[in-house]
Amino acid sequence: MKIKLVVDSTCDVPKELIEKHDISVVPLTINWMGGSFKDGVDMTSDELYAKLVSVDDHPKTSQPPVGEFAEVYQKALDSGYDKIISVHITGGFSGTTQSAQTAAEMVGSDKVKIIDSQTTTMGAGWLAVKIIEAMEQGLEFHQIVEQAEKLIETTKVVIYLDTLEYAVRGGRVSKLKGVVGSMLNVKPVIYFENGTVKEFSKSRGKNKAIDSFIASFEKLWGVDANTPIKIALAYGTDKAYAEEVLGRMKEKYNLKEGFVFQAGVAIAVHGGPDFLAACGTW
């Protein structure tokens, strides 16, 4: 059976894997400064950050149109794929999964499996990578889907926000909270649980906040030095600092695999240039 993998642009999958495995990436739209840009197509993360810090107008993201998903699915089926697995950002954060589901029903829902990753960025990307590995092992379609759904339960994403400014500008946080947070130098650490965003900690100052960020896997889910864990660390603009933080995670946890990467545009809109997001799975 020939299986096609589709993701949206919030799912950070390494480019070499996208090319090697013919993964279709359906981009979200960035609406900004009077124009519309396709995430990762018309604008890179570096280009967005450069403009983000210099203008007051804040970009908005919108899910891909149903027709765009339907076109990708139909094209895959017409080109010889028997089944499609489509992985997406949590439905609690975006309407992308719903758009994909509607499109699947248009082309034949028995041929397309929509998976809500319950998270975003590398959490969704990691899920896609594991689906690729299962395909390479020759697993049946239903086995791949079952593995993916189990992996969602043990894949966690924690995010450090260096400032609330961009979350306020994007409408994710109230203006009052943003002002108070800025005055007190509060830097929150948040995480995804069952597809929704929850607060883990609020610390005054970067050092304390990063300490909390690193400790989050232990405090939230009981991960300790005896737990084999894989961690991917997404950053906005400061790769060197991300590598430093990953180094500290290696000292604390039984890290079997770890790497850093720059997050995509759609996530950068809400995180700002100095955010960090850690995806762990065990």
C-alpha atoms as a PDB file:
ATOM      1  CA  MET A   1       0.000   0.000   0.000  1.00  0.00           C
ATOM      2  CA  LYS A   2       1.278   3.439  -0.941  1.00  0.00           C
ATOM      3  CA  ILE A   3       0.706   6.039   1.803  1.00  0.00           C
ATOM      4  CA  LYS A   4       1.013   9.812   1.439  1.00  0.00           C
ATOM      5  CA  LEU A   5       1.916  12.057   4.381  1.00  0.00           C
ATOM      6  CA  VAL A   6       0.505  15.589   4.498  1.00  0.00           C
ATOM      7  CA  VAL A   7       1.259  18.228   7.159  1.00  0.00           C
ATOM      8  CA  ASP A   8       0.490  21.896   7.635  1.00  0.00           C
ATOM      9  CA  SER A   9       3.251  24.492   7.894  1.00  0.00           C
ATOM     10  CA  THR A  10       3.134  24.702  11.705  1.00  0.00           C
ATOM     11  CA  CYS A  11       4.469  21.130  11.829  1.00  0.00           C
ATOM     12  CA  ASP A  12       8.208  21.643  11.857  1.00  0.00           C
ATOM     13  CA  VAL A  13       9.559  18.728   9.833  1.00  0.00           C
ATOM     14  CA  PRO A  14      13.211  18.800   8.676  1.00  0.00           C
ATOM     15  CA  LYS A  15      13.409  19.951   5.054  1.00  0.00           C
ATOM     16  CA  GLU A  16      15.509  16.982   3.984  1.00  0.00           C
ATOM     17  CA  LEU A  17      12.771  14.592   5.142  1.00  0.00           C
ATOM     18  CA  ILE A  18      10.098  16.593   3.330  1.00  0.00           C
ATOM     19  CA  GLU A  19      12.044  16.258   0.094  1.00  0.00           C
ATOM     20  CA  LYS A  20      13.107  12.646   0.595  1.00  0.00           C
ATOM     21  CA  HIS A  21       9.634  11.333   1.430  1.00  0.00           C
ATOM     22  CA  ASP A  22       7.569  13.599  -0.836  1.00  0.00           C
ATOM     23  CA  ILE A  23       5.668  15.106   2.104  1.00  0.00           C
ATOM     24  CA  SER A  24       3.085  17.702   1.106  1.00  0.00           C
ATOM     25  CA  VAL A  25       3.146  20.835   3.283  1.00  0.00           C
ATOM     26  CA  VAL A  26      -0.042  22.919   3.215  1.00  0.00           C
ATOM     27  CA  PRO A  27       0.862  26.468   4.322  1.00  0.00           C
ATOM     28  CA  LEU A  28      -1.058  28.647   6.730  1.00  0.00           C
ATOM     29  CA  THR A  29      -1.567  32.251   5.631  1.00  0.00           C
ATOM     30  CA  ILE A  30       0.105  35.233   7.303  1.00  0.00           C
ATOM     31  CA  ASN A  31      -2.038  38.365   6.961  1.00  0.00           C
ATOM     32  CA  TRP A  32       0.126  41.413   7.574  1.00  0.00           C
ATOM     33  CA  MET A  33       0.746  44.977   6.475  1.00  0.00           C
ATOM     34  CA  GLY A  34      -2.058  44.892   3.935  1.00  0.00           C
ATOM     35  CA  GLY A  35      -0.917  41.675   2.275  1.00  0.00           C
ATOM     36  CA  SER A  36      -1.199  37.906   2.578  1.00  0.00           C
ATOM     37  CA  PHE A  37       1.828  35.611   2.679  1.00  0.00           C
ATOM     38  CA  LYS A  38       2.088  31.839   2.544  1.00  0.00           C
ATOM     39  CA  ASP A  39       3.959  30.513   5.567  1.00  0.00           C
ATOM     40  CA  GLY A  40       7.382  29.258   4.529  1.00  0.00           C
ATOM     41  CA  VAL A  41       6.714  30.083   0.873  1.00  0.00           C
ATOM     42  CA  ASP A  42       6.445  33.861   0.602  1.00  0.00           C
ATOM     43  CA  MET A  43       8.206  34.664   3.882  1.00  0.00           C
ATOM     44  CA  THR A  44      10.931  32.992   5.958  1.00  0.00           C
ATOM     45  CA  SER A  45      11.232  33.102   9.749  1.00  0.00           C
ATOM     46  CA  ASP A  46      14.229  35.452   9.562  1.00  0.00           C
ATOM     47  CA  GLU A  47      12.317  37.857   7.319  1.00  0.00           C
ATOM     48  CA  LEU A  48       9.356  37.857   9.688  1.00  0.00           C
ATOM     49  CA  TYR A  49      11.488  38.521  12.775  1.00  0.00           C
ATOM     50  CA  ALA A  50      13.292  41.387  11.081  1.00  0.00           C
ATOM     51  CA  LYS A  51       9.966  43.104  10.366  1.00  0.00           C
ATOM     52  CA  LEU A  52       8.222  42.054  13.570  1.00  0.00           C
ATOM     53  CA  VAL A  53      10.490  44.097  15.833  1.00  0.00           C
ATOM     54  CA  SER A  54      10.365  47.216  13.656  1.00  0.00           C
ATOM     55  CA  VAL A  55       6.625  47.718  12.998  1.00  0.00           C
ATOM     56  CA  ASP A  56       3.581  48.120  15.243  1.00  0.00           C
ATOM     57  CA  ASP A  57       1.228  46.204  12.964  1.00  0.00           C
ATOM     58  CA  HIS A  58       1.027  42.584  14.107  1.00  0.00           C
ATOM     59  CA  PRO A  59       0.593  39.633  11.737  1.00  0.00           C
ATOM     60  CA  LYS A  60      -2.419  37.335  11.982  1.00  0.00           C
ATOM     61  CA  THR A  61      -2.481  33.705  10.931  1.00  0.00           C
ATOM     62  CA  SER A  62      -5.356  31.901   9.242  1.00  0.00           C
ATOM     63  CA  GLN A  63      -5.852  28.234   8.417  1.00  0.00           C
ATOM     64  CA  PRO A  64      -5.522  26.975   4.851  1.00  0.00           C
ATOM     65  CA  PRO A  65      -8.772  26.976   2.832  1.00  0.00           C
ATOM     66  CA  VAL A  66     -10.672  23.699   2.629  1.00  0.00           C
ATOM     67  CA  GLY A  67     -10.173  23.707  -1.134  1.00  0.00           C
ATOM     68  CA  GLU A  68      -6.411  23.791  -0.767  1.00  0.00           C
ATOM     69  CA  PHE A  69      -6.428  20.649   1.367  1.00  0.00           C
ATOM     70  CA  ALA A  70      -8.888  18.956  -0.998  1.00  0.00           C
ATOM     71  CA  GLU A  71      -6.642  19.730  -3.963  1.00  0.00           C
ATOM     72  CA  VAL A  72      -3.598  18.234  -2.229  1.00  0.00           C
ATOM     73  CA  TYR A  73      -5.512  15.090  -1.223  1.00  0.00           C
ATOM     74  CA  GLN A  74      -7.059  14.566  -4.654  1.00  0.00           C
ATOM     75  CA  LYS A  75      -3.731  15.080  -6.392  1.00  0.00           C
ATOM     76  CA  ALA A  76      -2.120  12.454  -4.157  1.00  0.00           C
ATOM     77  CA  LEU A  77      -4.879   9.930  -4.833  1.00  0.00           C
ATOM     78  CA  ASP A  78      -4.776  10.620  -8.570  1.00  0.00           C
ATOM     79  CA  SER A  79      -1.008  10.077  -8.620  1.00  0.00           C
ATOM     80  CA  GLY A  80      -1.240   6.571  -7.194  1.00  0.00           C
ATOM     81  CA  TYR A  81      -1.359   6.887  -3.415  1.00  0.00           C
ATOM     82  CA  ASP A  82      -3.854   4.525  -1.772  1.00  0.00           C
ATOM     83  CA  LYS A  83      -4.185   6.267   1.592  1.00  0.00           C
ATOM     84  CA  ILE A  84      -3.314   9.639   3.131  1.00  0.00           C
ATOM     85  CA  ILE A  85      -2.306  10.534   6.695  1.00  0.00           C
ATOM     86  CA  SER A  86      -2.686  14.244   7.412  1.00  0.00           C
ATOM     87  CA  VAL A  87      -1.096  15.649  10.611  1.00  0.00           C
ATOM     88  CA  HIS A  88      -2.012  19.071  12.008  1.00  0.00           C
ATOM     89  CA  ILE A  89      -1.727  21.707  14.714  1.00  0.00           C
ATOM     90  CA  THR A  90      -4.061  21.246  17.683  1.00  0.00           C
ATOM     91  CA  GLY A  91      -7.668  22.099  16.987  1.00  0.00           C
ATOM     92  CA  GLY A  92      -7.658  24.107  20.215  1.00  0.00           C
ATOM     93  CA  PHE A  93      -5.257  26.606  18.656  1.00  0.00           C
ATOM     94  CA  SER A  94      -6.334  26.767  15.025  1.00  0.00           C
ATOM     95  CA  GLY A  95      -9.127  25.784  12.654  1.00  0.00           C
ATOM     96  CA  THR A  96      -6.624  23.966  10.435  1.00  0.00           C
ATOM     97  CA  THR A  97      -7.608  20.463  11.546  1.00  0.00           C
ATOM     98  CA  GLN A  98     -11.280  21.193  10.862  1.00  0.00           C
ATOM     99  CA  SER A  99     -10.460  22.482   7.373  1.00  0.00           C
ATOM    100  CA  ALA A 100      -8.507  19.303   6.695  1.00  0.00           C
ATOM    101  CA  GLN A 101     -11.358  17.129   7.982  1.00  0.00           C
ATOM    102  CA  THR A 102     -13.890  18.859   5.747  1.00  0.00           C
ATOM    103  CA  ALA A 103     -11.586  18.392   2.759  1.00  0.00           C
ATOM    104  CA  ALA A 104     -11.138  14.702   3.608  1.00  0.00           C
ATOM    105  CA  GLU A 105     -14.905  14.214   3.514  1.00  0.00           C
ATOM    106  CA  MET A 106     -14.985  15.861   0.086  1.00  0.00           C
ATOM    107  CA  VAL A 107     -12.478  13.434  -1.462  1.00  0.00           C
ATOM    108  CA  GLY A 108     -13.472  10.332   0.520  1.00  0.00           C
ATOM    109  CA  SER A 109     -12.915  10.128   4.274  1.00  0.00           C
ATOM    110  CA  ASP A 110     -12.170   6.391   4.052  1.00  0.00           C
ATOM    111  CA  LYS A 111      -8.968   7.265   2.191  1.00  0.00           C
ATOM    112  CA  VAL A 112      -7.754  10.133   4.418  1.00  0.00           C
ATOM    113  CA  LYS A 113      -6.952   9.934   8.136  1.00  0.00           C
ATOM    114  CA  ILE A 114      -6.812  13.328   9.856  1.00  0.00           C
ATOM    115  CA  ILE A 115      -4.661  13.398  12.994  1.00  0.00           C
ATOM    116  CA  ASP A 116      -4.925  16.278  15.472  1.00  0.00           C
ATOM    117  CA  SER A 117      -1.452  16.328  17.041  1.00  0.00           C
ATOM    118  CA  GLN A 118      -2.823  18.017  20.202  1.00  0.00           C
ATOM    119  CA  THR A 119       0.183  20.325  19.982  1.00  0.00           C
ATOM    120  CA  THR A 120       2.206  22.317  17.447  1.00  0.00           C
ATOM    121  CA  THR A 121       5.710  23.118  16.105  1.00  0.00           C
ATOM    122  CA  MET A 122       8.111  20.192  16.694  1.00  0.00           C
ATOM    123  CA  GLY A 123       5.494  18.252  18.672  1.00  0.00           C
ATOM    124  CA  ALA A 124       3.514  17.848  15.466  1.00  0.00           C
ATOM    125  CA  GLY A 125       6.718  17.596  13.456  1.00  0.00           C
ATOM    126  CA  TRP A 126       8.049  14.778  15.617  1.00  0.00           C
ATOM    127  CA  LEU A 127       4.801  12.905  15.134  1.00  0.00           C
ATOM    128  CA  ALA A 128       5.235  13.242  11.378  1.00  0.00           C
ATOM    129  CA  VAL A 129       8.816  11.953  11.593  1.00  0.00           C
ATOM    130  CA  LYS A 130       7.685   8.867  13.510  1.00  0.00           C
ATOM    131  CA  ILE A 131       4.974   8.222  10.925  1.00  0.00           C
ATOM    132  CA  ILE A 132       7.674   8.293   8.243  1.00  0.00           C
ATOM    133  CA  GLU A 133       9.733   5.768  10.214  1.00  0.00           C
ATOM    134  CA  ALA A 134       6.699   3.490  10.540  1.00  0.00           C
ATOM    135  CA  MET A 135       6.132   3.707   6.780  1.00  0.00           C
ATOM    136  CA  GLU A 136       9.756   2.741   6.155  1.00  0.00           C
ATOM    137  CA  GLN A 137       9.288  -0.299   8.411  1.00  0.00           C
ATOM    138  CA  GLY A 138       6.453  -1.435   6.161  1.00  0.00           C
ATOM    139  CA  LEU A 139       3.705  -1.222   8.772  1.00  0.00           C
ATOM    140  CA  GLU A 140       0.087  -1.396   7.655  1.00  0.00           C
ATOM    141  CA  PHE A 141      -1.987   1.785   7.485  1.00  0.00           C
ATOM    142  CA  HIS A 142      -4.001   1.017  10.642  1.00  0.00           C
ATOM    143  CA  GLN A 143      -0.823   0.139  12.556  1.00  0.00           C
ATOM    144  CA  ILE A 144       0.783   3.453  11.621  1.00  0.00           C
ATOM    145  CA  VAL A 145      -2.300   5.360  12.766  1.00  0.00           C
ATOM    146  CA  GLU A 146      -2.426   3.436  16.066  1.00  0.00           C
ATOM    147  CA  GLN A 147       1.258   4.152  16.749  1.00  0.00           C
ATOM    148  CA  ALA A 148       0.765   7.834  15.982  1.00  0.00           C
ATOM    149  CA  GLU A 149      -2.198   8.133  18.331  1.00  0.00           C
ATOM    150  CA  LYS A 150      -0.233   6.471  21.145  1.00  0.00           C
ATOM    151  CA  LEU A 151       2.741   8.767  20.541  1.00  0.00           C
ATOM    152  CA  ILE A 152       0.523  11.834  21.000  1.00  0.00           C
ATOM    153  CA  GLU A 153       0.023  10.771  24.629  1.00  0.00           C
ATOM    154  CA  THR A 154       3.773  10.825  25.358  1.00  0.00           C
ATOM    155  CA  THR A 155       4.841  13.824  23.290  1.00  0.00           C
ATOM    156  CA  LYS A 156       4.900  17.045  25.292  1.00  0.00           C
ATOM    157  CA  VAL A 157       5.675  20.638  24.301  1.00  0.00           C
ATOM    158  CA  VAL A 158       6.753  23.364  26.732  1.00  0.00           C
ATOM    159  CA  ILE A 159       7.245  26.993  25.652  1.00  0.00           C
ATOM    160  CA  TYR A 160       9.260  29.809  27.233  1.00  0.00           C
ATOM    161  CA  LEU A 161       8.092  33.333  26.368  1.00  0.00           C
ATOM    162  CA  ASP A 162      10.735  35.992  26.846  1.00  0.00           C
ATOM    163  CA  THR A 163       8.052  38.668  26.564  1.00  0.00           C
ATOM    164  CA  LEU A 164       4.265  38.800  26.495  1.00  0.00           C
ATOM    165  CA  GLU A 165       4.336  41.567  23.881  1.00  0.00           C
ATOM    166  CA  TYR A 166       3.727  39.359  20.861  1.00  0.00           C
ATOM    167  CA  ALA A 167       1.101  37.218  22.587  1.00  0.00           C
ATOM    168  CA  VAL A 168      -0.754  40.444  23.472  1.00  0.00           C
ATOM    169  CA  ARG A 169      -0.426  41.816  19.948  1.00  0.00           C
ATOM    170  CA  GLY A 170      -1.701  38.528  18.564  1.00  0.00           C
ATOM    171  CA  GLY A 171      -4.685  38.511  20.911  1.00  0.00           C
ATOM    172  CA  ARG A 172      -3.565  35.450  22.900  1.00  0.00           C
ATOM    173  CA  VAL A 173      -3.063  37.439  26.139  1.00  0.00           C
ATOM    174  CA  SER A 174      -4.991  40.445  27.477  1.00  0.00           C
ATOM    175  CA  LYS A 175      -3.358  43.854  27.236  1.00  0.00           C
ATOM    176  CA  LEU A 176      -3.563  44.313  31.014  1.00  0.00           C
ATOM    177  CA  LYS A 177      -1.677  41.077  31.673  1.00  0.00           C
ATOM    178  CA  GLY A 178       0.908  42.133  29.120  1.00  0.00           C
ATOM    179  CA  VAL A 179       1.489  45.514  30.760  1.00  0.00           C
ATOM    180  CA  VAL A 180       1.756  44.020  34.246  1.00  0.00           C
ATOM    181  CA  GLY A 181       4.038  41.271  32.987  1.00  0.00           C
ATOM    182  CA  SER A 182       6.318  43.786  31.321  1.00  0.00           C
ATOM    183  CA  MET A 183       6.476  46.003  34.420  1.00  0.00           C
ATOM    184  CA  LEU A 184       7.387  43.075  36.655  1.00  0.00           C
ATOM    185  CA  ASN A 185       9.705  41.428  34.087  1.00  0.00           C
ATOM    186  CA  VAL A 186       7.535  38.305  34.222  1.00  0.00           C
ATOM    187  CA  LYS A 187       8.446  35.530  31.800  1.00  0.00           C
ATOM    188  CA  PRO A 188       5.934  32.678  31.602  1.00  0.00           C
ATOM    189  CA  VAL A 189       6.441  29.027  30.769  1.00  0.00           C
ATOM    190  CA  ILE A 190       3.404  27.384  29.181  1.00  0.00           C
ATOM    191  CA  TYR A 191       2.622  23.892  27.922  1.00  0.00           C
ATOM    192  CA  PHE A 192       0.097  21.936  25.881  1.00  0.00           C
ATOM    193  CA  GLU A 193      -2.295  19.509  27.550  1.00  0.00           C
ATOM    194  CA  ASN A 194      -5.063  17.755  25.624  1.00  0.00           C
ATOM    195  CA  GLY A 195      -4.728  20.299  22.854  1.00  0.00           C
ATOM    196  CA  THR A 196      -5.042  23.386  25.058  1.00  0.00           C
ATOM    197  CA  VAL A 197      -2.437  25.810  26.390  1.00  0.00           C
ATOM    198  CA  LYS A 198      -1.871  25.915  30.148  1.00  0.00           C
ATOM    199  CA  GLU A 199       0.450  27.942  32.351  1.00  0.00           C
ATOM    200  CA  PHE A 200       3.253  26.115  34.156  1.00  0.00           C
ATOM    201  CA  SER A 201       5.089  29.002  35.798  1.00  0.00           C
ATOM    202  CA  LYS A 202       5.601  32.756  35.896  1.00  0.00           C
ATOM    203  CA  SER A 203       9.093  33.856  36.890  1.00  0.00           C
ATOM    204  CA  ARG A 204      10.637  37.273  37.327  1.00  0.00           C
ATOM    205  CA  GLY A 205      13.741  37.397  35.187  1.00  0.00           C
ATOM    206  CA  LYS A 206      15.108  35.218  32.415  1.00  0.00           C
ATOM    207  CA  ASN A 207      17.405  33.013  34.498  1.00  0.00           C
ATOM    208  CA  LYS A 208      14.641  31.823  36.822  1.00  0.00           C
ATOM    209  CA  ALA A 209      12.263  31.333  33.906  1.00  0.00           C
ATOM    210  CA  ILE A 210      14.772  29.185  32.007  1.00  0.00           C
ATOM    211  CA  ASP A 211      15.408  27.135  35.160  1.00  0.00           C
ATOM    212  CA  SER A 212      11.659  26.507  35.303  1.00  0.00           C
ATOM    213  CA  PHE A 213      11.543  25.728  31.572  1.00  0.00           C
ATOM    214  CA  ILE A 214      14.260  23.091  31.948  1.00  0.00           C
ATOM    215  CA  ALA A 215      12.657  21.568  35.050  1.00  0.00           C
ATOM    216  CA  SER A 216       9.196  21.392  33.486  1.00  0.00           C
ATOM    217  CA  PHE A 217       9.462  17.823  32.161  1.00  0.00           C
ATOM    218  CA  GLU A 218      10.302  16.595  35.665  1.00  0.00           C
ATOM    219  CA  LYS A 219       7.718  18.719  37.473  1.00  0.00           C
ATOM    220  CA  LEU A 220       4.855  18.154  35.041  1.00  0.00           C
ATOM    221  CA  TRP A 221       5.361  14.561  33.927  1.00  0.00           C
ATOM    222  CA  GLY A 222       7.848  12.965  36.319  1.00  0.00           C
ATOM    223  CA  VAL A 223      10.700  12.653  33.830  1.00  0.00           C
ATOM    224  CA  ASP A 224      13.939  12.069  35.754  1.00  0.00           C
ATOM    225  CA  ALA A 225      17.545  11.027  35.145  1.00  0.00           C
ATOM    226  CA  ASN A 226      16.426   7.420  34.652  1.00  0.00           C
ATOM    227  CA  THR A 227      13.885   8.232  31.938  1.00  0.00           C
ATOM    228  CA  PRO A 228      15.254   7.948  28.377  1.00  0.00           C
ATOM    229  CA  ILE A 229      13.969  11.043  26.582  1.00  0.00           C
ATOM    230  CA  LYS A 230      14.369  12.712  23.207  1.00  0.00           C
ATOM    231  CA  ILE A 231      14.191  16.509  23.059  1.00  0.00           C
ATOM    232  CA  ALA A 232      13.967  18.895  20.125  1.00  0.00           C
ATOM    233  CA  LEU A 233      14.402  22.573  20.958  1.00  0.00           C
ATOM    234  CA  ALA A 234      12.899  25.245  18.711  1.00  0.00           C
ATOM    235  CA  TYR A 235      14.185  28.815  18.810  1.00  0.00           C
ATOM    236  CA  GLY A 236      13.304  32.144  17.266  1.00  0.00           C
ATOM    237  CA  THR A 237      16.555  33.923  16.412  1.00  0.00           C
ATOM    238  CA  ASP A 238      19.203  32.852  18.954  1.00  0.00           C
ATOM    239  CA  LYS A 239      20.519  29.439  17.944  1.00  0.00           C
ATOM    240  CA  ALA A 240      23.566  29.661  20.221  1.00  0.00           C
ATOM    241  CA  TYR A 241      21.418  30.223  23.302  1.00  0.00           C
ATOM    242  CA  ALA A 242      19.124  27.342  22.311  1.00  0.00           C
ATOM    243  CA  GLU A 243      22.170  25.074  22.099  1.00  0.00           C
ATOM    244  CA  GLU A 244      23.260  26.256  25.555  1.00  0.00           C
ATOM    245  CA  VAL A 245      19.843  25.434  27.030  1.00  0.00           C
ATOM    246  CA  LEU A 246      19.828  22.026  25.323  1.00  0.00           C
ATOM    247  CA  GLY A 247      23.236  21.405  26.908  1.00  0.00           C
ATOM    248  CA  ARG A 248      21.739  22.041  30.339  1.00  0.00           C
ATOM    249  CA  MET A 249      18.909  19.630  29.535  1.00  0.00           C
ATOM    250  CA  LYS A 250      21.483  16.978  28.651  1.00  0.00           C
ATOM    251  CA  GLU A 251      23.016  17.424  32.101  1.00  0.00           C
ATOM    252  CA  LYS A 252      19.661  17.029  33.856  1.00  0.00           C
ATOM    253  CA  TYR A 253      17.962  14.290  31.850  1.00  0.00           C
ATOM    254  CA  ASN A 254      18.851  10.956  30.262  1.00  0.00           C
ATOM    255  CA  LEU A 255      18.847  12.488  26.790  1.00  0.00           C
ATOM    256  CA  LYS A 256      18.949   9.851  24.049  1.00  0.00           C
ATOM    257  CA  GLU A 257      18.593  12.366  21.253  1.00  0.00           C
ATOM    258  CA  GLY A 258      18.577  16.155  21.112  1.00  0.00           C
ATOM    259  CA  PHE A 259      18.815  18.893  18.512  1.00  0.00           C
ATOM    260  CA  VAL A 260      17.852  22.517  17.896  1.00  0.00           C
ATOM    261  CA  PHE A 261      16.062  24.082  14.934  1.00  0.00           C
ATOM    262  CA  GLN A 262      14.488  27.395  13.959  1.00  0.00           C
ATOM    263  CA  ALA A 263      10.698  27.434  14.338  1.00  0.00           C
ATOM    264  CA  GLY A 264       8.448  28.247  11.412  1.00  0.00           C
ATOM    265  CA  VAL A 265       6.764  31.558  10.680  1.00  0.00           C
ATOM    266  CA  ALA A 266       3.282  30.703  12.003  1.00  0.00           C
ATOM    267  CA  ILE A 267       4.670  29.977  15.482  1.00  0.00           C
ATOM    268  CA  ALA A 268       7.066  32.919  15.426  1.00  0.00           C
ATOM    269  CA  VAL A 269       4.089  35.278  15.117  1.00  0.00           C
ATOM    270  CA  HIS A 270       2.973  34.438  18.662  1.00  0.00           C
ATOM    271  CA  GLY A 271       6.292  33.608  20.319  1.00  0.00           C
ATOM    272  CA  GLY A 272       8.414  36.549  19.260  1.00  0.00           C
ATOM    273  CA  PRO A 273      12.135  36.454  18.424  1.00  0.00           C
ATOM    274  CA  ASP A 274      13.445  35.159  21.772  1.00  0.00           C
ATOM    275  CA  PHE A 275      11.046  32.342  22.605  1.00  0.00           C
ATOM    276  CA  LEU A 276      12.059  28.702  23.087  1.00  0.00           C
ATOM    277  CA  ALA A 277       9.903  25.597  22.680  1.00  0.00           C
ATOM    278  CA  ALA A 278      10.985  22.148  23.845  1.00  0.00           C
ATOM    279  CA  CYS A 279       9.373  18.998  22.520  1.00  0.00           C
ATOM    280  CA  GLY A 280      10.056  15.869  24.542  1.00  0.00           C
ATOM    281  CA  THR A 281       8.990  12.285  23.942  1.00  0.00           C
ATOM    282  CA  TRP A 282       9.752   9.156  25.937  1.00  0.00           C
END
